[in-house]
PDB file of N, CA and C in Angstrom:
ATOM      1  N   MET A   1     195.781 110.254 117.979  1.00  0.00           N
ATOM      2  CA  MET A   1     195.497 109.866 116.848  1.00  0.00           C
ATOM      3  C   MET A   1     196.575 110.432 115.749  1.00  0.00           C
ATOM      4  N   THR A   2     196.984 109.639 114.928  1.00  0.00           N
ATOM      5  CA  THR A   2     198.038 110.020 113.764  1.00  0.00           C
ATOM      6  C   THR A   2     197.408 110.586 112.542  1.00  0.00           C
ATOM      7  N   THR A   3     198.053 111.448 111.832  1.00  0.00           N
ATOM      8  CA  THR A   3     197.313 112.027 110.625  1.00  0.00           C
ATOM      9  C   THR A   3     198.183 111.546 109.573  1.00  0.00           C
ATOM     10  N   THR A   4     197.721 111.036 108.682  1.00  0.00           N
ATOM     11  CA  THR A   4     198.477 110.638 107.441  1.00  0.00           C
ATOM     12  C   THR A   4     198.850 111.795 106.306  1.00  0.00           C
ATOM     13  N   PRO A   5     199.888 111.740 105.869  1.00  0.00           N
ATOM     14  CA  PRO A   5     200.363 112.898 104.901  1.00  0.00           C
ATOM     15  C   PRO A   5     199.399 112.856 103.946  1.00  0.00           C
ATOM     16  N   GLU A   6     198.993 114.201 103.477  1.00  0.00           N
ATOM     17  CA  GLU A   6     198.332 114.478 102.345  1.00  0.00           C
ATOM     18  C   GLU A   6     198.905 113.981 100.891  1.00  0.00           C
ATOM     19  N   VAL A   7     198.359 113.134 100.262  1.00  0.00           N
ATOM     20  CA  VAL A   7     198.929 112.496  98.958  1.00  0.00           C
ATOM     21  C   VAL A   7     198.076 113.379  97.957  1.00  0.00           C
ATOM     22  N   THR A   8     199.035 114.017  97.105  1.00  0.00           N
ATOM     23  CA  THR A   8     198.431 114.667  95.997  1.00  0.00           C
ATOM     24  C   THR A   8     198.683 113.823  94.731  1.00  0.00           C
ATOM     25  N   LYS A   9     197.387 113.599  93.940  1.00  0.00           N
ATOM     26  CA  LYS A   9     197.443 112.723  92.858  1.00  0.00           C
ATOM     27  C   LYS A   9     197.712 113.529  91.577  1.00  0.00           C
ATOM     28  N   SER A  10     198.705 113.125  90.871  1.00  0.00           N
ATOM     29  CA  SER A  10     199.006 113.830  89.538  1.00  0.00           C
ATOM     30  C   SER A  10     198.240 113.184  88.577  1.00  0.00           C
ATOM     31  N   ARG A  11     197.564 114.019  87.760  1.00  0.00           N
ATOM     32  CA  ARG A  11     196.682 113.336  86.764  1.00  0.00           C
ATOM     33  C   ARG A  11     197.271 113.583  85.530  1.00  0.00           C
ATOM     34  N   SER A  12     196.919 112.772  84.553  1.00  0.00           N
ATOM     35  CA  SER A  12     197.492 112.933  83.220  1.00  0.00           C
ATOM     36  C   SER A  12     196.626 114.083  82.514  1.00  0.00           C
ATOM     37  N   LEU A  13     197.296 114.703  81.509  1.00  0.00           N
ATOM     38  CA  LEU A  13     196.682 115.792  80.779  1.00  0.00           C
ATOM     39  C   LEU A  13     195.639 114.950  79.950  1.00  0.00           C
ATOM     40  N   SER A  14     194.554 115.772  79.840  1.00  0.00           N
ATOM     41  CA  SER A  14     193.707 115.178  78.956  1.00  0.00           C
ATOM     42  C   SER A  14     193.967 115.576  77.384  1.00  0.00           C
ATOM     43  N   PRO A  15     193.522 115.025  76.483  1.00  0.00           N
ATOM     44  CA  PRO A  15     193.881 115.501  75.036  1.00  0.00           C
ATOM     45  C   PRO A  15     193.603 116.850  74.744  1.00  0.00           C
ATOM     46  N   ASP A  16     192.711 117.467  75.428  1.00  0.00           N
ATOM     47  CA  ASP A  16     192.363 118.909  75.175  1.00  0.00           C
ATOM     48  C   ASP A  16     193.512 119.985  75.992  1.00  0.00           C
ATOM     49  N   GLU A  17     194.197 119.361  76.801  1.00  0.00           N
ATOM     50  CA  GLU A  17     195.234 120.209  77.467  1.00  0.00           C
ATOM     51  C   GLU A  17     196.586 120.072  77.061  1.00  0.00           C
ATOM     52  N   ILE A  18     196.808 119.148  76.059  1.00  0.00           N
ATOM     53  CA  ILE A  18     198.102 118.993  75.685  1.00  0.00           C
ATOM     54  C   ILE A  18     198.856 120.015  74.810  1.00  0.00           C
ATOM     55  N   PRO A  19     199.790 120.599  75.268  1.00  0.00           N
ATOM     56  CA  PRO A  19     200.632 121.650  74.372  1.00  0.00           C
ATOM     57  C   PRO A  19     201.123 121.300  73.207  1.00  0.00           C
ATOM     58  N   PHE A  20     201.336 121.998  72.193  1.00  0.00           N
ATOM     59  CA  PHE A  20     201.711 121.702  70.909  1.00  0.00           C
ATOM     60  C   PHE A  20     203.272 121.447  70.997  1.00  0.00           C
ATOM     61  N   HIS A  21     204.081 121.876  71.956  1.00  0.00           N
ATOM     62  CA  HIS A  21     205.308 121.827  72.038  1.00  0.00           C
ATOM     63  C   HIS A  21     205.829 120.678  72.956  1.00  0.00           C
ATOM     64  N   SER A  22     204.798 119.960  73.264  1.00  0.00           N
ATOM     65  CA  SER A  22     205.254 118.679  74.054  1.00  0.00           C
ATOM     66  C   SER A  22     205.092 117.507  73.119  1.00  0.00           C
ATOM     67  N   THR A  23     205.840 117.308  72.252  1.00  0.00           N
ATOM     68  CA  THR A  23     205.830 116.087  71.282  1.00  0.00           C
ATOM     69  C   THR A  23     205.939 114.858  71.834  1.00  0.00           C
ATOM     70  N   GLN A  24     206.450 114.659  73.176  1.00  0.00           N
ATOM     71  CA  GLN A  24     206.514 113.292  73.622  1.00  0.00           C
ATOM     72  C   GLN A  24     205.149 112.732  73.856  1.00  0.00           C
ATOM     73  N   SER A  25     204.165 113.518  74.254  1.00  0.00           N
ATOM     74  CA  SER A  25     202.840 112.952  74.642  1.00  0.00           C
ATOM     75  C   SER A  25     202.242 112.867  73.401  1.00  0.00           C
ATOM     76  N   PHE A  26     202.470 113.017  72.185  1.00  0.00           N
ATOM     77  CA  PHE A  26     201.757 112.658  70.869  1.00  0.00           C
ATOM     78  C   PHE A  26     201.990 111.292  70.541  1.00  0.00           C
ATOM     79  N   GLY A  27     202.671 110.430  71.241  1.00  0.00           N
ATOM     80  CA  GLY A  27     202.953 109.125  70.634  1.00  0.00           C
ATOM     81  C   GLY A  27     201.697 108.130  70.823  1.00  0.00           C
ATOM     82  N   ARG A  28     200.846 108.554  71.793  1.00  0.00           N
ATOM     83  CA  ARG A  28     199.690 107.920  71.999  1.00  0.00           C
ATOM     84  C   ARG A  28     198.713 107.948  70.922  1.00  0.00           C
ATOM     85  N   TYR A  29     198.725 109.152  70.009  1.00  0.00           N
ATOM     86  CA  TYR A  29     197.731 109.473  69.136  1.00  0.00           C
ATOM     87  C   TYR A  29     198.347 109.425  67.668  1.00  0.00           C
ATOM     88  N   THR A  30     199.609 108.900  67.559  1.00  0.00           N
ATOM     89  CA  THR A  30     200.115 108.858  66.074  1.00  0.00           C
ATOM     90  C   THR A  30     200.760 107.601  65.931  1.00  0.00           C
ATOM     91  N   THR A  31     200.977 107.040  64.906  1.00  0.00           N
ATOM     92  CA  THR A  31     201.722 105.809  64.607  1.00  0.00           C
ATOM     93  C   THR A  31     203.066 106.024  64.660  1.00  0.00           C
ATOM     94  N   ASP A  32     203.875 104.940  64.207  1.00  0.00           N
ATOM     95  CA  ASP A  32     205.447 105.149  64.231  1.00  0.00           C
ATOM     96  C   ASP A  32     205.832 105.908  62.891  1.00  0.00           C
ATOM     97  N   THR A  33     205.002 105.935  62.013  1.00  0.00           N
ATOM     98  CA  THR A  33     205.470 106.701  60.913  1.00  0.00           C
ATOM     99  C   THR A  33     204.889 108.165  60.833  1.00  0.00           C
ATOM    100  N   GLY A  34     204.172 108.595  61.886  1.00  0.00           N
ATOM    101  CA  GLY A  34     203.779 109.785  62.177  1.00  0.00           C
ATOM    102  C   GLY A  34     202.349 110.167  61.706  1.00  0.00           C
ATOM    103  N   LYS A  35     201.595 109.240  61.137  1.00  0.00           N
ATOM    104  CA  LYS A  35     200.085 109.258  60.820  1.00  0.00           C
ATOM    105  C   LYS A  35     199.384 109.347  62.145  1.00  0.00           C
ATOM    106  N   LEU A  36     198.131 110.047  62.042  1.00  0.00           N
ATOM    107  CA  LEU A  36     197.267 110.057  63.070  1.00  0.00           C
ATOM    108  C   LEU A  36     196.372 109.015  63.317  1.00  0.00           C
ATOM    109  N   LEU A  37     196.259 108.357  64.467  1.00  0.00           N
ATOM    110  CA  LEU A  37     195.265 107.605  64.663  1.00  0.00           C
ATOM    111  C   LEU A  37     193.950 107.973  64.727  1.00  0.00           C
ATOM    112  N   PRO A  38     192.944 107.161  64.106  1.00  0.00           N
ATOM    113  CA  PRO A  38     191.566 107.456  64.150  1.00  0.00           C
ATOM    114  C   PRO A  38     190.762 107.472  65.566  1.00  0.00           C
ATOM    115  N   ARG A  39     189.669 107.977  65.616  1.00  0.00           N
ATOM    116  CA  ARG A  39     189.002 107.837  67.059  1.00  0.00           C
ATOM    117  C   ARG A  39     188.632 106.238  67.371  1.00  0.00           C
ATOM    118  N   LYS A  40     188.488 105.537  66.420  1.00  0.00           N
ATOM    119  CA  LYS A  40     188.271 103.959  66.681  1.00  0.00           C
ATOM    120  C   LYS A  40     189.360 103.595  67.620  1.00  0.00           C
ATOM    121  N   TYR A  41     190.688 103.853  67.394  1.00  0.00           N
ATOM    122  CA  TYR A  41     191.816 103.730  68.204  1.00  0.00           C
ATOM    123  C   TYR A  41     191.966 104.291  69.463  1.00  0.00           C
ATOM    124  N   THR A  42     191.870 105.686  69.338  1.00  0.00           N
ATOM    125  CA  THR A  42     192.264 106.552  70.485  1.00  0.00           C
ATOM    126  C   THR A  42     191.157 106.440  71.423  1.00  0.00           C
ATOM    127  N   ARG A  43     189.860 106.151  71.201  1.00  0.00           N
ATOM    128  CA  ARG A  43     188.654 106.023  72.046  1.00  0.00           C
ATOM    129  C   ARG A  43     188.349 107.608  72.640  1.00  0.00           C
ATOM    130  N   MET A  44     188.656 108.577  71.737  1.00  0.00           N
ATOM    131  CA  MET A  44     188.369 109.972  72.176  1.00  0.00           C
ATOM    132  C   MET A  44     186.915 110.475  71.676  1.00  0.00           C
ATOM    133  N   SER A  45     186.375 111.561  72.113  1.00  0.00           N
ATOM    134  CA  SER A  45     185.165 112.017  71.497  1.00  0.00           C
ATOM    135  C   SER A  45     185.733 112.750  70.209  1.00  0.00           C
ATOM    136  N   ALA A  46     184.659 113.279  69.408  1.00  0.00           N
ATOM    137  CA  ALA A  46     184.837 113.890  68.152  1.00  0.00           C
ATOM    138  C   ALA A  46     185.573 115.186  68.422  1.00  0.00           C
ATOM    139  N   LYS A  47     185.137 115.806  69.613  1.00  0.00           N
ATOM    140  CA  LYS A  47     185.672 117.240  70.054  1.00  0.00           C
ATOM    141  C   LYS A  47     187.088 117.041  70.333  1.00  0.00           C
ATOM    142  N   GLN A  48     187.341 116.055  71.001  1.00  0.00           N
ATOM    143  CA  GLN A  48     188.851 115.844  71.601  1.00  0.00           C
ATOM    144  C   GLN A  48     189.559 115.495  70.571  1.00  0.00           C
ATOM    145  N   GLN A  49     189.068 114.579  69.545  1.00  0.00           N
ATOM    146  CA  GLN A  49     190.052 114.374  68.390  1.00  0.00           C
ATOM    147  C   GLN A  49     190.332 115.446  67.508  1.00  0.00           C
ATOM    148  N   ARG A  50     189.487 116.345  67.315  1.00  0.00           N
ATOM    149  CA  ARG A  50     189.625 117.643  66.438  1.00  0.00           C
ATOM    150  C   ARG A  50     190.605 118.349  67.004  1.00  0.00           C
ATOM    151  N   ARG A  51     190.781 118.454  68.411  1.00  0.00           N
ATOM    152  CA  ARG A  51     191.667 119.283  69.123  1.00  0.00           C
ATOM    153  C   ARG A  51     192.919 118.683  68.883  1.00  0.00           C
ATOM    154  N   VAL A  52     193.107 117.326  69.207  1.00  0.00           N
ATOM    155  CA  VAL A  52     194.460 116.652  69.259  1.00  0.00           C
ATOM    156  C   VAL A  52     195.017 116.791  67.633  1.00  0.00           C
ATOM    157  N   THR A  53     193.932 116.718  66.698  1.00  0.00           N
ATOM    158  CA  THR A  53     194.647 116.789  65.260  1.00  0.00           C
ATOM    159  C   THR A  53     195.004 118.244  64.872  1.00  0.00           C
ATOM    160  N   LYS A  54     194.357 119.063  65.813  1.00  0.00           N
ATOM    161  CA  LYS A  54     194.806 120.493  65.354  1.00  0.00           C
ATOM    162  C   LYS A  54     196.018 120.625  66.078  1.00  0.00           C
ATOM    163  N   THR A  55     196.369 120.221  67.244  1.00  0.00           N
ATOM    164  CA  THR A  55     197.581 120.506  67.877  1.00  0.00           C
ATOM    165  C   THR A  55     198.847 119.864  67.269  1.00  0.00           C
ATOM    166  N   ILE A  56     198.407 118.588  66.801  1.00  0.00           N
ATOM    167  CA  ILE A  56     199.524 117.808  66.229  1.00  0.00           C
ATOM    168  C   ILE A  56     199.847 118.535  64.798  1.00  0.00           C
ATOM    169  N   LYS A  57     199.004 118.843  64.064  1.00  0.00           N
ATOM    170  CA  LYS A  57     199.440 119.564  62.890  1.00  0.00           C
ATOM    171  C   LYS A  57     199.934 120.848  63.105  1.00  0.00           C
ATOM    172  N   ARG A  58     199.581 121.581  64.131  1.00  0.00           N
ATOM    173  CA  ARG A  58     200.400 122.824  64.471  1.00  0.00           C
ATOM    174  C   ARG A  58     201.870 122.525  64.773  1.00  0.00           C
ATOM    175  N   ALA A  59     202.004 121.355  65.556  1.00  0.00           N
ATOM    176  CA  ALA A  59     203.356 120.921  66.002  1.00  0.00           C
ATOM    177  C   ALA A  59     204.261 120.623  64.680  1.00  0.00           C
ATOM    178  N   ARG A  60     203.714 119.998  63.740  1.00  0.00           N
ATOM    179  CA  ARG A  60     204.226 119.661  62.385  1.00  0.00           C
ATOM    180  C   ARG A  60     204.732 120.910  61.659  1.00  0.00           C
ATOM    181  N   ASN A  61     203.800 121.883  61.528  1.00  0.00           N
ATOM    182  CA  ASN A  61     204.157 123.151  60.794  1.00  0.00           C
ATOM    183  C   ASN A  61     205.270 123.963  61.290  1.00  0.00           C
ATOM    184  N   ILE A  62     205.342 123.919  62.669  1.00  0.00           N
ATOM    185  CA  ILE A  62     206.758 124.515  63.187  1.00  0.00           C
ATOM    186  C   ILE A  62     207.844 123.710  63.107  1.00  0.00           C
ATOM    187  N   HIS A  63     207.757 122.375  62.688  1.00  0.00           N
ATOM    188  CA  HIS A  63     208.631 121.536  62.551  1.00  0.00           C
ATOM    189  C   HIS A  63     209.349 120.795  63.960  1.00  0.00           C
ATOM    190  N   LEU A  64     208.408 120.663  64.717  1.00  0.00           N
ATOM    191  CA  LEU A  64     208.712 119.886  66.040  1.00  0.00           C
ATOM    192  C   LEU A  64     208.227 118.443  65.912  1.00  0.00           C
ATOM    193  N   MET A  65     207.676 117.975  64.912  1.00  0.00           N
ATOM    194  CA  MET A  65     207.364 116.654  64.639  1.00  0.00           C
ATOM    195  C   MET A  65     207.729 116.238  63.369  1.00  0.00           C
ATOM    196  N   PRO A  66     208.062 115.110  62.821  1.00  0.00           N
ATOM    197  CA  PRO A  66     208.251 114.941  61.448  1.00  0.00           C
ATOM    198  C   PRO A  66     207.058 114.635  60.872  1.00  0.00           C
TER     199      PRO A  66
END
């Protein structure tokens, strides 16, 4: 009987787990001009949207994002 190698799945970070210094991952939640996308477009819960908004604003305050 042959054994198959264990395949580990890498999962993407949930909106709650995105660190503020990871500015590449914010592209999904902002427009080209840097405005935040509303929940209607991001399809997140209100709690997730608040956390993402807070994280993006924190990154803007320390000048990681325009």
